[in-house]
């Protein structure tokens, strides 16, 4: 997945701001995120998407996109991802892959059972944060070569530190 230029520009705002914090100017952006216990803006968006799926699952938000949940005895709660017609144009494929319903469902489906089966919001957020901390937060920024797009989906695709469902 290519990381869009607009996301890099938005990430640069946080990168430049954190550089101005006392004692942080000598650290690279990735180290500043870690030291300040901040998530990259990309990782925050992914966290928000997962939390919104939890709210849909638990009737705290409307399921206006028609997500279908099912229970897997081994993996916990999952979302059925609609099949895509692979004969369609590439632009439709990109729109499909980047739509909230598909991207958020894929993010939800990487959660282990001990996270996706939590039924109260605050404990869910704590469990989700613990899960997310197991992955490096290395957003693409000018001058650095990230190992991937930094999405949780990409980290899980390359092995996921053994924690992805």
Protein backbone atom coordinates (compact mmCIF):
# COMPACT_ATOMS: atom_id res chain seq x y z
CA UNK A 1 0.00 0.00 0.00
CA UNK A 2 1.29 3.45 -0.89
CA UNK A 3 1.12 5.97 1.94
CA UNK A 4 -0.74 9.01 0.54
CA UNK A 5 1.13 12.32 0.42
CA UNK A 6 -1.66 14.08 2.34
CA UNK A 7 -1.12 11.72 5.28
CA UNK A 8 2.59 12.47 5.30
CA UNK A 9 1.78 16.22 5.34
CA UNK A 10 -0.58 15.78 8.28
CA UNK A 11 1.95 13.61 10.10
CA UNK A 12 4.56 16.33 9.53
CA UNK A 13 2.54 18.75 11.68
CA UNK A 14 2.90 16.42 14.68
CA UNK A 15 6.51 15.66 13.76
CA UNK A 16 7.43 19.37 13.72
CA UNK A 17 5.51 20.10 16.92
CA UNK A 18 7.15 17.28 18.89
CA UNK A 19 10.58 18.50 17.78
CA UNK A 20 9.96 21.78 19.66
CA UNK A 21 9.37 20.04 22.99
CA UNK A 22 12.26 20.47 25.41
CA UNK A 23 14.74 17.60 25.19
CA UNK A 24 13.22 16.14 22.03
CA UNK A 25 15.02 18.03 19.26
CA UNK A 26 17.90 15.53 19.04
CA UNK A 27 15.63 12.51 18.71
CA UNK A 28 14.18 11.31 15.42
CA UNK A 29 10.39 11.35 15.06
CA UNK A 30 9.99 7.66 15.76
CA UNK A 31 11.98 8.00 19.01
CA UNK A 32 9.96 11.10 20.00
CA UNK A 33 6.70 9.20 19.55
CA UNK A 34 7.98 6.44 21.78
CA UNK A 35 9.43 8.74 24.45
CA UNK A 36 6.28 10.90 24.58
CA UNK A 37 4.04 7.81 24.52
CA UNK A 38 2.20 9.15 21.49
CA UNK A 39 0.72 7.30 18.57
CA UNK A 40 1.32 8.45 15.03
CA UNK A 41 -1.72 10.06 13.47
CA UNK A 42 -2.08 7.05 11.18
CA UNK A 43 -2.10 4.67 14.14
CA UNK A 44 -4.66 6.87 15.93
CA UNK A 45 -6.98 6.64 12.92
CA UNK A 46 -6.66 2.86 12.95
CA UNK A 47 -7.38 2.77 16.69
CA UNK A 48 -10.44 4.96 16.21
CA UNK A 49 -11.70 2.69 13.42
CA UNK A 50 -11.37 -0.38 15.63
CA UNK A 51 -13.13 1.35 18.53
CA UNK A 52 -15.94 2.40 16.20
CA UNK A 53 -16.37 -1.22 15.09
CA UNK A 54 -16.58 -2.23 18.77
CA UNK A 55 -19.32 0.38 19.24
CA UNK A 56 -21.24 -0.99 16.25
CA UNK A 57 -20.88 -4.53 17.60
CA UNK A 58 -22.13 -3.48 21.03
CA UNK A 59 -25.04 -1.32 19.75
CA UNK A 60 -23.40 1.95 20.83
CA UNK A 61 -23.32 3.17 17.22
CA UNK A 62 -25.60 2.34 14.27
CA UNK A 63 -24.52 -0.37 11.85
CA UNK A 64 -25.37 1.77 8.84
CA UNK A 65 -22.81 -0.01 6.65
CA UNK A 66 -24.30 -3.45 7.25
CA UNK A 67 -21.36 -5.20 8.91
CA UNK A 68 -22.03 -8.87 9.60
CA UNK A 69 -20.42 -10.31 12.72
CA UNK A 70 -19.91 -13.99 13.49
CA UNK A 71 -18.24 -15.90 16.31
CA UNK A 72 -15.26 -18.13 15.69
CA UNK A 73 -14.57 -20.51 18.57
CA UNK A 74 -10.81 -20.09 18.11
CA UNK A 75 -10.54 -16.44 17.01
CA UNK A 76 -13.49 -14.78 18.74
CA UNK A 77 -15.73 -12.21 17.10
CA UNK A 78 -15.08 -11.64 13.41
CA UNK A 79 -16.57 -9.62 10.57
CA UNK A 80 -17.53 -11.16 7.25
CA UNK A 81 -15.78 -9.19 4.55
CA UNK A 82 -17.80 -9.06 1.32
CA UNK A 83 -16.11 -10.59 -1.69
CA UNK A 84 -14.79 -8.22 -4.31
CA UNK A 85 -15.10 -8.77 -8.05
CA UNK A 86 -11.43 -8.94 -9.05
CA UNK A 87 -12.33 -8.36 -12.70
CA UNK A 88 -13.38 -4.77 -11.93
CA UNK A 89 -11.19 -1.77 -12.74
CA UNK A 90 -8.23 -1.02 -10.46
CA UNK A 91 -9.79 2.28 -9.33
CA UNK A 92 -12.79 0.39 -7.98
CA UNK A 93 -10.47 -2.06 -6.25
CA UNK A 94 -8.64 0.79 -4.53
CA UNK A 95 -11.91 2.41 -3.45
CA UNK A 96 -13.10 -0.96 -2.11
CA UNK A 97 -9.87 -1.60 -0.17
CA UNK A 98 -9.81 1.92 1.31
CA UNK A 99 -13.49 2.11 2.26
CA UNK A 100 -14.18 2.32 5.98
CA UNK A 101 -16.24 -0.87 6.05
CA UNK A 102 -13.51 -2.99 4.46
CA UNK A 103 -10.46 -1.42 6.08
CA UNK A 104 -12.01 -1.31 9.57
CA UNK A 105 -13.27 -4.90 9.21
CA UNK A 106 -9.78 -6.08 8.27
CA UNK A 107 -8.33 -4.22 11.25
CA UNK A 108 -10.93 -5.80 13.55
CA UNK A 109 -10.19 -9.26 12.19
CA UNK A 110 -6.51 -9.10 13.21
CA UNK A 111 -7.44 -8.66 16.87
CA UNK A 112 -6.87 -11.70 19.07
CA UNK A 113 -9.82 -13.22 20.93
CA UNK A 114 -8.75 -11.77 24.29
CA UNK A 115 -9.21 -8.28 22.78
CA UNK A 116 -12.20 -8.63 20.44
CA UNK A 117 -14.41 -10.34 23.03
CA UNK A 118 -14.14 -7.61 25.69
CA UNK A 119 -17.68 -6.31 26.29
CA UNK A 120 -17.07 -2.99 28.14
CA UNK A 121 -15.62 0.02 26.34
CA UNK A 122 -12.89 1.16 28.76
CA UNK A 123 -11.47 -2.37 29.29
CA UNK A 124 -11.65 -2.83 25.50
CA UNK A 125 -9.59 0.33 24.96
CA UNK A 126 -7.01 -0.87 27.47
CA UNK A 127 -6.79 -4.29 25.79
CA UNK A 128 -6.60 -2.65 22.36
CA UNK A 129 -3.80 -0.33 23.48
CA UNK A 130 -1.87 -3.31 24.84
CA UNK A 131 -2.29 -5.12 21.53
CA UNK A 132 -1.21 -2.09 19.50
CA UNK A 133 1.90 -1.47 21.64
CA UNK A 134 3.31 -4.77 20.42
CA UNK A 135 3.93 -3.24 16.99
CA UNK A 136 6.48 -0.57 16.12
CA UNK A 137 4.93 2.77 15.20
CA UNK A 138 7.09 3.87 12.28
CA UNK A 139 5.05 6.26 10.11
CA UNK A 140 6.52 7.31 6.78
CA UNK A 141 8.19 10.71 7.06
CA UNK A 142 10.61 12.51 4.73
CA UNK A 143 14.17 11.34 5.22
CA UNK A 144 13.27 7.98 6.77
CA UNK A 145 12.63 4.70 5.06
CA UNK A 146 9.90 2.81 6.90
CA UNK A 147 9.77 -0.99 6.69
CA UNK A 148 6.15 -0.80 5.42
CA UNK A 149 3.18 1.59 5.38
CA UNK A 150 3.04 1.30 9.21
CA UNK A 151 -0.52 0.00 9.17
CA UNK A 152 -1.32 -2.72 11.70
CA UNK A 153 -2.49 -4.68 8.66
CA UNK A 154 1.00 -4.54 7.14
CA UNK A 155 2.72 -5.46 10.41
CA UNK A 156 0.45 -8.49 10.73
CA UNK A 157 1.03 -9.46 7.09
CA UNK A 158 4.78 -9.81 7.79
CA UNK A 159 4.38 -12.01 10.83
CA UNK A 160 2.84 -9.70 13.40
CA UNK A 161 5.27 -10.56 16.19
CA UNK A 162 3.15 -13.68 16.70
CA UNK A 163 0.25 -11.66 18.13
CA UNK A 164 -2.11 -11.27 15.15
CA UNK A 165 -5.15 -13.48 14.88
